[in-house]
Amino acid sequence: EVQLMESGGGSVQAGGSMRLSCVASGPYVSIGWFRQAPAREREAVAVVTKNGNLEYGHFVEGRFTISKDSVRNTVDLQMNALRPEDTAMYYCGAAEWDYRLNFRGYKYWGQGTQVTVTP
């Protein structure tokens, strides 16, 4: 089975940086980072497939970078120039096919890690 575990969340001031890490095991085709704030829908932040296709949410605007570390078996998200509106629970998600940025296609989820960006 696919198992995912996130780490790296916390609190940072606006303009700061944060790095999230997802330890992933099991078979999947697409994996990425998603987020959900109170009273808002879950949305994709960044996804990557096993053959290297990358996509970012429209709000990223060049601030974030997703990468895979084959030695550590992790999918990492480097976030720079953080804004208060980036505050959300961040989840690692994986899918059995390339659903791109459609979070509804992702079957496997970690427990989430909270990211809080203060003014």
Protein backbone atom coordinates (compact mmCIF):
# COMPACT_ATOMS: atom_id res chain seq x y z
CA GLU A 1 0.00 0.00 0.00
CA VAL A 2 0.94 3.64 -0.32
CA GLN A 3 1.95 5.33 2.90
CA LEU A 4 2.71 9.01 3.28
CA MET A 5 4.02 11.05 6.18
CA GLU A 6 4.58 14.81 6.21
CA SER A 7 6.92 16.93 8.27
CA GLY A 8 8.35 20.43 8.33
CA GLY A 9 5.35 22.59 9.13
CA GLY A 10 5.32 25.39 11.64
CA SER A 11 4.95 29.13 11.96
CA VAL A 12 6.85 31.75 9.97
CA GLN A 13 6.53 35.47 9.34
CA ALA A 14 5.40 36.81 6.00
CA GLY A 15 8.22 36.79 3.49
CA GLY A 16 9.91 33.86 5.16
CA SER A 17 10.66 30.37 3.93
CA MET A 18 9.74 26.85 4.92
CA ARG A 19 10.57 23.40 3.65
CA LEU A 20 8.12 20.51 3.83
CA SER A 21 9.01 16.86 3.40
CA CYS A 22 6.85 13.84 2.57
CA VAL A 23 8.19 10.34 3.11
CA ALA A 24 6.49 8.15 0.53
CA SER A 25 6.37 4.37 0.12
CA GLY A 26 4.40 2.03 -2.11
CA PRO A 27 3.27 2.24 -5.74
CA TYR A 28 1.97 5.50 -7.19
CA VAL A 29 2.11 7.47 -10.41
CA SER A 30 1.58 11.02 -9.22
CA ILE A 31 2.47 12.63 -5.90
CA GLY A 32 2.35 16.13 -4.58
CA TRP A 33 1.47 18.72 -2.01
CA PHE A 34 -2.02 20.02 -1.40
CA ARG A 35 -3.42 22.44 1.13
CA GLN A 36 -6.70 23.28 2.79
CA ALA A 37 -7.57 26.35 4.81
CA PRO A 38 -10.69 26.66 7.00
CA ALA A 39 -13.86 27.12 4.95
CA ARG A 40 -11.98 26.60 1.70
CA GLU A 41 -11.67 23.71 -0.72
CA ARG A 42 -8.58 21.61 -0.83
CA GLU A 43 -6.27 22.82 -3.58
CA ALA A 44 -3.14 21.58 -5.26
CA VAL A 45 0.12 23.33 -4.51
CA ALA A 46 2.50 21.27 -6.61
CA VAL A 47 2.55 17.78 -8.12
CA VAL A 48 5.13 15.61 -9.82
CA THR A 49 4.79 12.27 -11.64
CA LYS A 50 7.23 9.39 -11.56
CA ASN A 51 8.40 10.27 -15.06
CA GLY A 52 9.07 13.85 -14.05
CA ASN A 53 6.08 15.94 -15.14
CA LEU A 54 5.65 18.98 -12.90
CA GLU A 55 2.73 21.31 -12.24
CA TYR A 56 2.12 24.12 -9.77
CA GLY A 57 -1.00 25.79 -8.51
CA HIS A 58 -1.78 29.17 -10.02
CA PHE A 59 -1.06 30.98 -6.74
CA VAL A 60 2.51 29.68 -6.48
CA GLU A 61 3.83 32.30 -8.90
CA GLY A 62 7.35 30.94 -8.91
CA ARG A 63 7.71 30.97 -5.12
CA PHE A 64 7.71 27.22 -4.49
CA THR A 65 9.70 24.29 -5.81
CA ILE A 66 8.78 20.62 -5.62
CA SER A 67 11.51 18.00 -5.83
CA LYS A 68 12.08 14.29 -5.30
CA ASP A 69 14.89 12.79 -3.28
CA SER A 70 15.39 9.16 -4.30
CA VAL A 71 17.88 8.48 -1.49
CA ARG A 72 15.55 9.63 1.27
CA ASN A 73 12.37 8.54 -0.57
CA THR A 74 10.87 11.95 -0.05
CA VAL A 75 8.97 14.56 -2.00
CA ASP A 76 9.97 17.99 -0.77
CA LEU A 77 8.39 21.39 -1.14
CA GLN A 78 10.56 24.45 -0.74
CA MET A 79 8.40 27.50 -0.08
CA ASN A 80 9.77 31.03 -0.27
CA ALA A 81 8.19 34.47 -0.01
CA LEU A 82 5.36 33.09 2.08
CA ARG A 83 2.20 35.11 2.51
CA PRO A 84 -0.49 35.00 5.23
CA GLU A 85 -2.89 33.54 2.67
CA ASP A 86 -0.59 30.52 2.41
CA THR A 87 -1.70 29.52 5.91
CA ALA A 88 -3.31 26.09 5.73
CA MET A 89 -2.96 22.45 6.53
CA TYR A 90 -0.57 20.99 3.98
CA TYR A 91 -1.09 17.40 2.90
CA CYS A 92 0.99 15.01 0.89
CA GLY A 93 -1.18 13.12 -1.61
CA ALA A 94 -0.53 10.30 -4.08
CA ALA A 95 -2.54 8.85 -6.96
CA GLU A 96 -2.53 5.74 -9.10
CA TRP A 97 -2.68 7.81 -12.28
CA ASP A 98 -1.68 11.28 -13.40
CA TYR A 99 -4.54 13.43 -12.14
CA ARG A 100 -2.38 16.51 -12.38
CA LEU A 101 -3.73 19.25 -10.09
CA ASN A 102 -7.13 17.67 -9.46
CA PHE A 103 -7.07 16.78 -5.76
CA ARG A 104 -10.21 14.65 -6.14
CA GLY A 105 -8.21 12.10 -8.08
CA TYR A 106 -5.75 11.49 -5.28
CA LYS A 107 -6.49 8.40 -3.22
CA TYR A 108 -3.74 8.34 -0.62
CA TRP A 109 -3.12 11.04 1.94
CA GLY A 110 -0.84 11.81 4.83
CA GLN A 111 -2.08 13.26 8.09
CA GLY A 112 -1.06 16.80 7.22
CA THR A 113 1.25 19.40 8.68
CA GLN A 114 0.16 22.89 9.68
CA VAL A 115 1.76 25.91 8.02
CA THR A 116 1.02 29.28 9.59
CA VAL A 117 2.26 32.53 8.06
CA THR A 118 1.88 35.55 10.33
CA PRO A 119 1.73 39.17 9.16
